[in-house]
Amino acid sequence: MKTRLSALAGIALSTVVLTLSGCKAVVLHPAGDIALQQRDTLLVSTGLMLLIIVPVMILTAFFGWKYRADNKKVEYAPDWDHSTSLELVIWSAPLLIIIALGALTWLSTHLLDPYRPVSRLSKSDMITRNMEPLTVDVVALDWKWLFFYPQYDIATVNEVAAPVNRPIIFHITSATVMNAFYIPALAGQIYAMAGMQTRLWAVINSAGTYKGFSSNYSGDGFSGMQFEFYGMPAKNFDAWVAKVRKNGTDLSRSAYMALAKPSENVAPVYYKSYMRGLYKDILNMCVIPGKMCLDTMAGIDDQGGLDQKNAADNLAPAATAGYEEHPSALGPVKTYVINASSVPAGAAGYEKPVSLAPTAPPHPLSGANLPQPRIVQPAEVR
């Protein structure tokens, strides 16, 4: 029986070793300084916790062996119930470790904040004042990644590159559902959400090809939502930019709408130029022609908002040029707010927007006690 158990244990151990031998463990061997600092924080935290875990595991086995039933040499003390020295060790050691972990967590949370600009390139290289960071605007689509390079007026799909030892600032949003942008060799993950922008500062220190992917489930094509990240010397990065410009096409509004439709396992695509302000329109959810942008809507709300009459006139169906959004919670027909293009001279705030044609009657609201908005004709507006 013992021989059989030993054989099974040997097989299990060999399987684990062979399995782990094929794992690169990129999180433990990153190529970027931010990911390296995160790795160090992880190792220090693990070490601090092991200061308690390892002794407890060893003492558990030791006590079980020492005070076994057939060991008659140990003292039998059934009335023992307290030891001040033992209580001090039991409570003070974990308390000190918790204090150390709390201090480490507080410091690393602030120093490695993804919104905090990087202060160094590596342990030995600091940032200089004349070092311009590389800006990359990131959009999560169904199911691929779109990257804008505003400093070079190019864009790519499922491929991103950056020069070695140059700070990178990623602006990240989503055109659909929530996703998570993650390049393990570069830095930690950060979420991508529609109508919102998150940021991630990072730097790559070693040239190479690294995997990037979505780490937040987002539907059918999630498993294929991966891309290549290339760390390159500065000259190679300039050559990569030239290759994108040479082999790319133009990313117009209509081309983006076609790209935004769900697709899986998309090969890298290059764009030698893109429509000015396209990323801003994606972020503000107003790529559809005529749709009001979120920042414009927020500005109108800050000024008091549209009155009830104009608000009813200012709706349009979401289906435009074959591009449809998800159904609305208020009914099967999705609507959106169209642009209030201008305000007549002398008008108070946004009470009388012009060039707003009345639309078809909106779908009946499904909420309890919500009145059906009445469509107001232009002649009725004072």
Foldseek 3Di string as FASTA:
>chain_A
DVVVVVVVVVVVVVVVVVVCVPDPPCLCVFQWALSPVVNVLVVVLVVLVCVPVVVVVVVVVVCCVCPPPPNPPDDDDPPDDDDPVVVCVVPVSVVVSVVVNVVSCVVCCVQSVQVDADQARHPVGGDDPPQDAFEWEWEQFQHWIKIARVVQQKIKIQEEEDEASGKYKYKAAYLAAKWWKDFSNWHGIDIHYALDIDMGITGGHDFDKTKIATPDDDDDQRVLHIHIYGYHHPVVVVVVLVVLLVQADEAELVNVLVVRPHDHNDDMHIHNHYDPCPSVCSSQVNSAPQFDGNVVQVVLVVLPHEDLQVQQLQKDWQCDPNRHDQADPQDRTDIGGGDLPDDDPPDRRSHDRPPRQGDDQDDDGDDPPDDRRDHDHPVPRD
